[in-house]
């Protein structure tokens, strides 16, 4: 969510209150060189695809990551590397 500001003018005063706006996120899977692999409307779908890529090619799991993007087209959260979704070795 992002914050916006709304102003209301009442008798003898102005009240400013924050308004929360729901941000639609999309998620891209990118290689470490910046190439787009796939684009998803949901985080769940992006992470499931990233996990599958990491399992199929574990030696390249550090080279792919899912990145969330806001409705303004800018990256807006932490990247998740494919290697983070692999089972930990015992």
PDB file of N, CA and C in Angstrom:
ATOM      1  N   UNK A   1       0.840  -1.169   0.000  1.00  0.00           N
ATOM      2  CA  UNK A   1       0.000   0.000   0.000  1.00  0.00           C
ATOM      3  C   UNK A   1       0.883   1.230   0.000  1.00  0.00           C
ATOM      4  N   UNK A   2       0.415   2.268  -0.654  1.00  0.00           N
ATOM      5  CA  UNK A   2       1.135   3.523  -0.601  1.00  0.00           C
ATOM      6  C   UNK A   2       0.237   4.572   0.012  1.00  0.00           C
ATOM      7  N   UNK A   3       0.857   5.595   0.547  1.00  0.00           N
ATOM      8  CA  UNK A   3       0.079   6.624   1.231  1.00  0.00           C
ATOM      9  C   UNK A   3      -0.154   7.809   0.317  1.00  0.00           C
ATOM     10  N   UNK A   4      -1.321   8.372   0.405  1.00  0.00           N
ATOM     11  CA  UNK A   4      -1.663   9.617  -0.265  1.00  0.00           C
ATOM     12  C   UNK A   4      -2.212  10.525   0.826  1.00  0.00           C
ATOM     13  N   UNK A   5      -2.458  11.758   0.491  1.00  0.00           N
ATOM     14  CA  UNK A   5      -2.977  12.686   1.494  1.00  0.00           C
ATOM     15  C   UNK A   5      -4.271  13.284   0.977  1.00  0.00           C
ATOM     16  N   UNK A   6      -5.264  13.376   1.843  1.00  0.00           N
ATOM     17  CA  UNK A   6      -6.527  14.025   1.508  1.00  0.00           C
ATOM     18  C   UNK A   6      -6.749  15.157   2.479  1.00  0.00           C
ATOM     19  N   UNK A   7      -7.285  16.245   1.999  1.00  0.00           N
ATOM     20  CA  UNK A   7      -7.584  17.400   2.842  1.00  0.00           C
ATOM     21  C   UNK A   7      -9.090  17.594   2.918  1.00  0.00           C
ATOM     22  N   UNK A   8      -9.564  17.930   4.089  1.00  0.00           N
ATOM     23  CA  UNK A   8     -10.979  18.221   4.288  1.00  0.00           C
ATOM     24  C   UNK A   8     -11.075  19.563   4.979  1.00  0.00           C
ATOM     25  N   UNK A   9     -11.917  20.412   4.470  1.00  0.00           N
ATOM     26  CA  UNK A   9     -12.075  21.728   5.067  1.00  0.00           C
ATOM     27  C   UNK A   9     -13.362  21.732   5.876  1.00  0.00           C
ATOM     28  N   UNK A  10     -13.211  21.939   7.162  1.00  0.00           N
ATOM     29  CA  UNK A  10     -14.363  22.018   8.046  1.00  0.00           C
ATOM     30  C   UNK A  10     -14.544  23.458   8.494  1.00  0.00           C
ATOM     31  N   UNK A  11     -15.514  23.688   9.341  1.00  0.00           N
ATOM     32  CA  UNK A  11     -15.697  25.054   9.836  1.00  0.00           C
ATOM     33  C   UNK A  11     -14.478  25.482  10.651  1.00  0.00           C
ATOM     34  N   UNK A  12     -13.814  26.517  10.201  1.00  0.00           N
ATOM     35  CA  UNK A  12     -12.674  27.130  10.889  1.00  0.00           C
ATOM     36  C   UNK A  12     -11.398  26.289  10.896  1.00  0.00           C
ATOM     37  N   UNK A  13     -11.317  25.229  10.122  1.00  0.00           N
ATOM     38  CA  UNK A  13     -10.064  24.454  10.123  1.00  0.00           C
ATOM     39  C   UNK A  13      -9.971  23.558   8.885  1.00  0.00           C
ATOM     40  N   UNK A  14      -8.747  23.131   8.619  1.00  0.00           N
ATOM     41  CA  UNK A  14      -8.472  22.168   7.550  1.00  0.00           C
ATOM     42  C   UNK A  14      -7.845  20.958   8.207  1.00  0.00           C
ATOM     43  N   UNK A  15      -8.353  19.800   7.919  1.00  0.00           N
ATOM     44  CA  UNK A  15      -7.842  18.555   8.480  1.00  0.00           C
ATOM     45  C   UNK A  15      -7.179  17.778   7.346  1.00  0.00           C
ATOM     46  N   UNK A  16      -5.951  17.351   7.570  1.00  0.00           N
ATOM     47  CA  UNK A  16      -5.223  16.558   6.577  1.00  0.00           C
ATOM     48  C   UNK A  16      -5.052  15.157   7.144  1.00  0.00           C
ATOM     49  N   UNK A  17      -5.517  14.161   6.397  1.00  0.00           N
ATOM     50  CA  UNK A  17      -5.415  12.777   6.857  1.00  0.00           C
ATOM     51  C   UNK A  17      -4.786  11.922   5.766  1.00  0.00           C
ATOM     52  N   UNK A  18      -3.976  10.949   6.155  1.00  0.00           N
ATOM     53  CA  UNK A  18      -3.412  10.051   5.140  1.00  0.00           C
ATOM     54  C   UNK A  18      -4.483   9.099   4.631  1.00  0.00           C
ATOM     55  N   UNK A  19      -4.390   8.780   3.355  1.00  0.00           N
ATOM     56  CA  UNK A  19      -5.300   7.828   2.732  1.00  0.00           C
ATOM     57  C   UNK A  19      -4.455   6.707   2.151  1.00  0.00           C
ATOM     58  N   UNK A  20      -4.751   5.474   2.520  1.00  0.00           N
ATOM     59  CA  UNK A  20      -3.991   4.337   1.985  1.00  0.00           C
ATOM     60  C   UNK A  20      -4.612   3.888   0.674  1.00  0.00           C
ATOM     61  N   UNK A  21      -3.770   3.669  -0.296  1.00  0.00           N
ATOM     62  CA  UNK A  21      -4.202   3.251  -1.618  1.00  0.00           C
ATOM     63  C   UNK A  21      -3.646   1.855  -1.885  1.00  0.00           C
ATOM     64  N   UNK A  22      -4.482   0.969  -2.327  1.00  0.00           N
ATOM     65  CA  UNK A  22      -4.049  -0.389  -2.666  1.00  0.00           C
ATOM     66  C   UNK A  22      -3.198  -0.328  -3.930  1.00  0.00           C
ATOM     67  N   UNK A  23      -2.014  -0.903  -3.897  1.00  0.00           N
ATOM     68  CA  UNK A  23      -1.114  -0.917  -5.044  1.00  0.00           C
ATOM     69  C   UNK A  23      -1.166  -2.295  -5.680  1.00  0.00           C
ATOM     70  N   UNK A  24      -1.407  -2.321  -6.968  1.00  0.00           N
ATOM     71  CA  UNK A  24      -1.393  -3.580  -7.701  1.00  0.00           C
ATOM     72  C   UNK A  24       0.060  -3.930  -8.028  1.00  0.00           C
ATOM     73  N   UNK A  25       0.503  -5.093  -7.565  1.00  0.00           N
ATOM     74  CA  UNK A  25       1.873  -5.525  -7.838  1.00  0.00           C
ATOM     75  C   UNK A  25       1.884  -6.565  -8.944  1.00  0.00           C
ATOM     76  N   UNK A  26       2.909  -6.497  -9.756  1.00  0.00           N
ATOM     77  CA  UNK A  26       3.215  -7.566 -10.693  1.00  0.00           C
ATOM     78  C   UNK A  26       4.616  -8.043 -10.337  1.00  0.00           C
ATOM     79  N   UNK A  27       5.003  -9.183 -10.856  1.00  0.00           N
ATOM     80  CA  UNK A  27       6.280  -9.783 -10.471  1.00  0.00           C
ATOM     81  C   UNK A  27       6.990 -10.310 -11.708  1.00  0.00           C
ATOM     82  N   UNK A  28       8.248  -9.930 -11.849  1.00  0.00           N
ATOM     83  CA  UNK A  28       9.050 -10.420 -12.952  1.00  0.00           C
ATOM     84  C   UNK A  28      10.143 -11.338 -12.448  1.00  0.00           C
ATOM     85  N   UNK A  29      10.444 -12.346 -13.242  1.00  0.00           N
ATOM     86  CA  UNK A  29      11.622 -13.178 -12.968  1.00  0.00           C
ATOM     87  C   UNK A  29      12.685 -12.738 -13.966  1.00  0.00           C
ATOM     88  N   UNK A  30      13.844 -12.375 -13.424  1.00  0.00           N
ATOM     89  CA  UNK A  30      14.938 -11.875 -14.243  1.00  0.00           C
ATOM     90  C   UNK A  30      16.200 -12.686 -14.012  1.00  0.00           C
ATOM     91  N   UNK A  31      17.063 -12.718 -15.037  1.00  0.00           N
ATOM     92  CA  UNK A  31      18.391 -13.301 -14.874  1.00  0.00           C
ATOM     93  C   UNK A  31      19.292 -12.241 -14.247  1.00  0.00           C
ATOM     94  N   UNK A  32      20.461 -12.650 -13.796  1.00  0.00           N
ATOM     95  CA  UNK A  32      21.397 -11.704 -13.178  1.00  0.00           C
ATOM     96  C   UNK A  32      21.920 -10.676 -14.181  1.00  0.00           C
ATOM     97  N   UNK A  33      21.763 -10.943 -15.466  1.00  0.00           N
ATOM     98  CA  UNK A  33      22.183  -9.986 -16.497  1.00  0.00           C
ATOM     99  C   UNK A  33      21.044  -9.052 -16.896  1.00  0.00           C
ATOM    100  N   UNK A  34      19.888  -9.193 -16.245  1.00  0.00           N
ATOM    101  CA  UNK A  34      18.775  -8.284 -16.497  1.00  0.00           C
ATOM    102  C   UNK A  34      17.765  -8.736 -17.523  1.00  0.00           C
ATOM    103  N   UNK A  35      17.918  -9.946 -18.036  1.00  0.00           N
ATOM    104  CA  UNK A  35      16.958 -10.447 -19.023  1.00  0.00           C
ATOM    105  C   UNK A  35      15.687 -10.935 -18.340  1.00  0.00           C
ATOM    106  N   UNK A  36      14.545 -10.529 -18.885  1.00  0.00           N
ATOM    107  CA  UNK A  36      13.264 -10.971 -18.362  1.00  0.00           C
ATOM    108  C   UNK A  36      13.009 -12.410 -18.789  1.00  0.00           C
ATOM    109  N   UNK A  37      12.697 -13.257 -17.820  1.00  0.00           N
ATOM    110  CA  UNK A  37      12.385 -14.661 -18.093  1.00  0.00           C
ATOM    111  C   UNK A  37      10.876 -14.839 -18.193  1.00  0.00           C
ATOM    112  N   UNK A  38      10.139 -14.240 -17.250  1.00  0.00           N
ATOM    113  CA  UNK A  38       8.682 -14.379 -17.235  1.00  0.00           C
ATOM    114  C   UNK A  38       8.078 -13.262 -16.391  1.00  0.00           C
ATOM    115  N   UNK A  39       6.769 -13.009 -16.616  1.00  0.00           N
ATOM    116  CA  UNK A  39       6.056 -11.957 -15.906  1.00  0.00           C
ATOM    117  C   UNK A  39       4.780 -12.531 -15.325  1.00  0.00           C
ATOM    118  N   UNK A  40       4.438 -12.167 -14.086  1.00  0.00           N
ATOM    119  CA  UNK A  40       3.285 -12.755 -13.406  1.00  0.00           C
ATOM    120  C   UNK A  40       2.447 -11.676 -12.731  1.00  0.00           C
ATOM    121  N   UNK A  41       1.172 -11.925 -12.625  1.00  0.00           N
ATOM    122  CA  UNK A  41       0.259 -11.023 -11.939  1.00  0.00           C
ATOM    123  C   UNK A  41       0.243 -11.271 -10.430  1.00  0.00           C
ATOM    124  N   UNK A  42       0.683 -12.446  -9.999  1.00  0.00           N
ATOM    125  CA  UNK A  42       0.655 -12.736  -8.558  1.00  0.00           C
ATOM    126  C   UNK A  42       2.025 -13.174  -8.065  1.00  0.00           C
ATOM    127  N   UNK A  43       2.299 -12.829  -6.810  1.00  0.00           N
ATOM    128  CA  UNK A  43       3.550 -13.236  -6.176  1.00  0.00           C
ATOM    129  C   UNK A  43       3.618 -14.755  -6.061  1.00  0.00           C
ATOM    130  N   UNK A  44       2.500 -15.371  -5.737  1.00  0.00           N
ATOM    131  CA  UNK A  44       2.455 -16.829  -5.577  1.00  0.00           C
ATOM    132  C   UNK A  44       2.861 -17.532  -6.871  1.00  0.00           C
ATOM    133  N   UNK A  45       2.333 -17.083  -8.005  1.00  0.00           N
ATOM    134  CA  UNK A  45       2.689 -17.691  -9.289  1.00  0.00           C
ATOM    135  C   UNK A  45       4.161 -17.464  -9.628  1.00  0.00           C
ATOM    136  N   UNK A  46       4.653 -16.250  -9.347  1.00  0.00           N
ATOM    137  CA  UNK A  46       6.059 -15.943  -9.644  1.00  0.00           C
ATOM    138  C   UNK A  46       7.003 -16.800  -8.809  1.00  0.00           C
ATOM    139  N   UNK A  47       6.705 -16.940  -7.514  1.00  0.00           N
ATOM    140  CA  UNK A  47       7.579 -17.738  -6.652  1.00  0.00           C
ATOM    141  C   UNK A  47       7.501 -19.222  -6.985  1.00  0.00           C
ATOM    142  N   UNK A  48       6.328 -19.704  -7.388  1.00  0.00           N
ATOM    143  CA  UNK A  48       6.208 -21.108  -7.792  1.00  0.00           C
ATOM    144  C   UNK A  48       7.037 -21.375  -9.050  1.00  0.00           C
ATOM    145  N   UNK A  49       6.984 -20.459 -10.011  1.00  0.00           N
ATOM    146  CA  UNK A  49       7.781 -20.617 -11.234  1.00  0.00           C
ATOM    147  C   UNK A  49       9.272 -20.509 -10.938  1.00  0.00           C
ATOM    148  N   UNK A  50       9.641 -19.582 -10.061  1.00  0.00           N
ATOM    149  CA  UNK A  50      11.049 -19.427  -9.689  1.00  0.00           C
ATOM    150  C   UNK A  50      11.564 -20.677  -8.988  1.00  0.00           C
ATOM    151  N   UNK A  51      10.762 -21.247  -8.097  1.00  0.00           N
ATOM    152  CA  UNK A  51      11.160 -22.477  -7.396  1.00  0.00           C
ATOM    153  C   UNK A  51      11.353 -23.614  -8.385  1.00  0.00           C
ATOM    154  N   UNK A  52      10.472 -23.700  -9.376  1.00  0.00           N
ATOM    155  CA  UNK A  52      10.604 -24.755 -10.388  1.00  0.00           C
ATOM    156  C   UNK A  52      11.880 -24.565 -11.203  1.00  0.00           C
ATOM    157  N   UNK A  53      12.170 -23.321 -11.591  1.00  0.00           N
ATOM    158  CA  UNK A  53      13.418 -23.049 -12.317  1.00  0.00           C
ATOM    159  C   UNK A  53      14.631 -23.443 -11.481  1.00  0.00           C
ATOM    160  N   UNK A  54      14.607 -23.099 -10.208  1.00  0.00           N
ATOM    161  CA  UNK A  54      15.727 -23.401  -9.309  1.00  0.00           C
ATOM    162  C   UNK A  54      15.903 -24.907  -9.135  1.00  0.00           C
ATOM    163  N   UNK A  55      14.796 -25.634  -8.994  1.00  0.00           N
ATOM    164  CA  UNK A  55      14.894 -27.105  -8.854  1.00  0.00           C
ATOM    165  C   UNK A  55      15.408 -27.747 -10.144  1.00  0.00           C
ATOM    166  N   UNK A  56      14.960 -27.228 -11.296  1.00  0.00           N
ATOM    167  CA  UNK A  56      15.383 -27.803 -12.579  1.00  0.00           C
ATOM    168  C   UNK A  56      16.855 -27.544 -12.884  1.00  0.00           C
ATOM    169  N   UNK A  57      17.368 -26.395 -12.443  1.00  0.00           N
ATOM    170  CA  UNK A  57      18.762 -26.036 -12.692  1.00  0.00           C
ATOM    171  C   UNK A  57      19.378 -25.428 -11.434  1.00  0.00           C
ATOM    172  N   UNK A  58      19.626 -26.250 -10.409  1.00  0.00           N
ATOM    173  CA  UNK A  58      20.127 -25.721  -9.140  1.00  0.00           C
ATOM    174  C   UNK A  58      21.457 -24.992  -9.259  1.00  0.00           C
ATOM    175  N   UNK A  59      22.278 -25.360 -10.235  1.00  0.00           N
ATOM    176  CA  UNK A  59      23.571 -24.687 -10.399  1.00  0.00           C
ATOM    177  C   UNK A  59      23.405 -23.240 -10.870  1.00  0.00           C
ATOM    178  N   UNK A  60      22.243 -22.901 -11.414  1.00  0.00           N
ATOM    179  CA  UNK A  60      21.980 -21.538 -11.880  1.00  0.00           C
ATOM    180  C   UNK A  60      20.984 -20.801 -10.985  1.00  0.00           C
ATOM    181  N   UNK A  61      20.640 -21.381  -9.836  1.00  0.00           N
ATOM    182  CA  UNK A  61      19.601 -20.802  -8.972  1.00  0.00           C
ATOM    183  C   UNK A  61      19.965 -19.412  -8.444  1.00  0.00           C
ATOM    184  N   UNK A  62      21.263 -19.126  -8.309  1.00  0.00           N
ATOM    185  CA  UNK A  62      21.679 -17.792  -7.863  1.00  0.00           C
ATOM    186  C   UNK A  62      21.600 -16.757  -8.983  1.00  0.00           C
ATOM    187  N   UNK A  63      21.370 -17.217 -10.193  1.00  0.00           N
ATOM    188  CA  UNK A  63      21.372 -16.325 -11.358  1.00  0.00           C
ATOM    189  C   UNK A  63      19.980 -15.852 -11.767  1.00  0.00           C
ATOM    190  N   UNK A  64      18.937 -16.268 -11.049  1.00  0.00           N
ATOM    191  CA  UNK A  64      17.568 -15.834 -11.350  1.00  0.00           C
ATOM    192  C   UNK A  64      16.904 -15.338 -10.070  1.00  0.00           C
ATOM    193  N   UNK A  65      16.039 -14.342 -10.221  1.00  0.00           N
ATOM    194  CA  UNK A  65      15.355 -13.771  -9.060  1.00  0.00           C
ATOM    195  C   UNK A  65      13.989 -13.233  -9.470  1.00  0.00           C
ATOM    196  N   UNK A  66      13.056 -13.265  -8.530  1.00  0.00           N
ATOM    197  CA  UNK A  66      11.739 -12.654  -8.712  1.00  0.00           C
ATOM    198  C   UNK A  66      11.773 -11.277  -8.063  1.00  0.00           C
ATOM    199  N   UNK A  67      11.246 -10.282  -8.768  1.00  0.00           N
ATOM    200  CA  UNK A  67      11.249  -8.904  -8.288  1.00  0.00           C
ATOM    201  C   UNK A  67       9.837  -8.338  -8.407  1.00  0.00           C
ATOM    202  N   UNK A  68       9.292  -7.773  -7.314  1.00  0.00           N
ATOM    203  CA  UNK A  68       7.965  -7.155  -7.393  1.00  0.00           C
ATOM    204  C   UNK A  68       8.043  -5.740  -7.976  1.00  0.00           C
ATOM    205  N   UNK A  69       7.006  -5.374  -8.729  1.00  0.00           N
ATOM    206  CA  UNK A  69       6.905  -4.045  -9.328  1.00  0.00           C
ATOM    207  C   UNK A  69       5.559  -3.436  -8.978  1.00  0.00           C
ATOM    208  N   UNK A  70       5.564  -2.138  -8.660  1.00  0.00           N
ATOM    209  CA  UNK A  70       4.335  -1.428  -8.350  1.00  0.00           C
ATOM    210  C   UNK A  70       3.612  -1.009  -9.617  1.00  0.00           C
ATOM    211  N   UNK A  71       2.440  -0.401  -9.434  1.00  0.00           N
ATOM    212  CA  UNK A  71       1.661   0.015 -10.593  1.00  0.00           C
ATOM    213  C   UNK A  71       2.308   1.175 -11.344  1.00  0.00           C
ATOM    214  N   UNK A  72       3.361   1.765 -10.779  1.00  0.00           N
ATOM    215  CA  UNK A  72       4.108   2.804 -11.482  1.00  0.00           C
ATOM    216  C   UNK A  72       5.253   2.223 -12.326  1.00  0.00           C
ATOM    217  N   UNK A  73       5.398   0.879 -12.320  1.00  0.00           N
ATOM    218  CA  UNK A  73       6.430   0.221 -13.117  1.00  0.00           C
ATOM    219  C   UNK A  73       7.797   0.159 -12.464  1.00  0.00           C
ATOM    220  N   UNK A  74       7.899   0.605 -11.219  1.00  0.00           N
ATOM    221  CA  UNK A  74       9.189   0.596 -10.530  1.00  0.00           C
ATOM    222  C   UNK A  74       9.278  -0.584  -9.577  1.00  0.00           C
ATOM    223  N   UNK A  75      10.481  -1.146  -9.461  1.00  0.00           N
ATOM    224  CA  UNK A  75      10.707  -2.220  -8.493  1.00  0.00           C
ATOM    225  C   UNK A  75      10.393  -1.671  -7.104  1.00  0.00           C
ATOM    226  N   UNK A  76       9.683  -2.452  -6.305  1.00  0.00           N
ATOM    227  CA  UNK A  76       9.216  -1.902  -5.027  1.00  0.00           C
ATOM    228  C   UNK A  76       9.384  -2.862  -3.859  1.00  0.00           C
ATOM    229  N   UNK A  77      10.223  -3.830  -3.993  1.00  0.00           N
ATOM    230  CA  UNK A  77      10.419  -4.749  -2.888  1.00  0.00           C
ATOM    231  C   UNK A  77      11.693  -5.533  -3.090  1.00  0.00           C
ATOM    232  N   UNK A  78      12.009  -6.361  -2.136  1.00  0.00           N
ATOM    233  CA  UNK A  78      13.249  -7.135  -2.241  1.00  0.00           C
ATOM    234  C   UNK A  78      13.136  -8.233  -3.297  1.00  0.00           C
ATOM    235  N   UNK A  79      14.244  -8.500  -3.935  1.00  0.00           N
ATOM    236  CA  UNK A  79      14.317  -9.607  -4.885  1.00  0.00           C
ATOM    237  C   UNK A  79      14.439 -10.916  -4.107  1.00  0.00           C
ATOM    238  N   UNK A  80      13.850 -11.971  -4.652  1.00  0.00           N
ATOM    239  CA  UNK A  80      13.977 -13.304  -4.070  1.00  0.00           C
ATOM    240  C   UNK A  80      14.765 -14.151  -5.065  1.00  0.00           C
ATOM    241  N   UNK A  81      15.970 -14.572  -4.656  1.00  0.00           N
ATOM    242  CA  UNK A  81      16.794 -15.415  -5.537  1.00  0.00           C
ATOM    243  C   UNK A  81      16.241 -16.826  -5.577  1.00  0.00           C
ATOM    244  N   UNK A  82      16.424 -17.468  -6.706  1.00  0.00           N
ATOM    245  CA  UNK A  82      15.986 -18.851  -6.848  1.00  0.00           C
ATOM    246  C   UNK A  82      16.623 -19.762  -5.811  1.00  0.00           C
ATOM    247  N   UNK A  83      17.857 -19.495  -5.456  1.00  0.00           N
ATOM    248  CA  UNK A  83      18.551 -20.345  -4.482  1.00  0.00           C
ATOM    249  C   UNK A  83      17.896 -20.297  -3.109  1.00  0.00           C
ATOM    250  N   UNK A  84      17.185 -19.202  -2.796  1.00  0.00           N
ATOM    251  CA  UNK A  84      16.503 -19.104  -1.508  1.00  0.00           C
ATOM    252  C   UNK A  84      15.320 -20.070  -1.413  1.00  0.00           C
ATOM    253  N   UNK A  85      14.877 -20.575  -2.548  1.00  0.00           N
ATOM    254  CA  UNK A  85      13.719 -21.469  -2.565  1.00  0.00           C
ATOM    255  C   UNK A  85      14.107 -22.939  -2.666  1.00  0.00           C
ATOM    256  N   UNK A  86      15.413 -23.216  -2.719  1.00  0.00           N
ATOM    257  CA  UNK A  86      15.876 -24.604  -2.751  1.00  0.00           C
ATOM    258  C   UNK A  86      15.897 -25.177  -1.336  1.00  0.00           C
ATOM    259  N   UNK A  87      15.658 -26.476  -1.212  1.00  0.00           N
ATOM    260  CA  UNK A  87      15.769 -27.105   0.121  1.00  0.00           C
ATOM    261  C   UNK A  87      17.191 -26.950   0.646  1.00  0.00           C
ATOM    262  N   UNK A  88      17.310 -26.727   1.927  1.00  0.00           N
ATOM    263  CA  UNK A  88      18.627 -26.589   2.562  1.00  0.00           C
ATOM    264  C   UNK A  88      19.253 -27.980   2.717  1.00  0.00           C
ATOM    265  N   UNK A  89      20.553 -28.055   2.427  1.00  0.00           N
ATOM    266  CA  UNK A  89      21.267 -29.320   2.576  1.00  0.00           C
ATOM    267  C   UNK A  89      21.433 -29.633   4.074  1.00  0.00           C
ATOM    268  N   UNK A  90      21.306 -30.897   4.394  1.00  0.00           N
ATOM    269  CA  UNK A  90      21.422 -31.305   5.809  1.00  0.00           C
ATOM    270  C   UNK A  90      22.858 -31.453   6.212  1.00  0.00           C
TER     271      UNK A  90
END
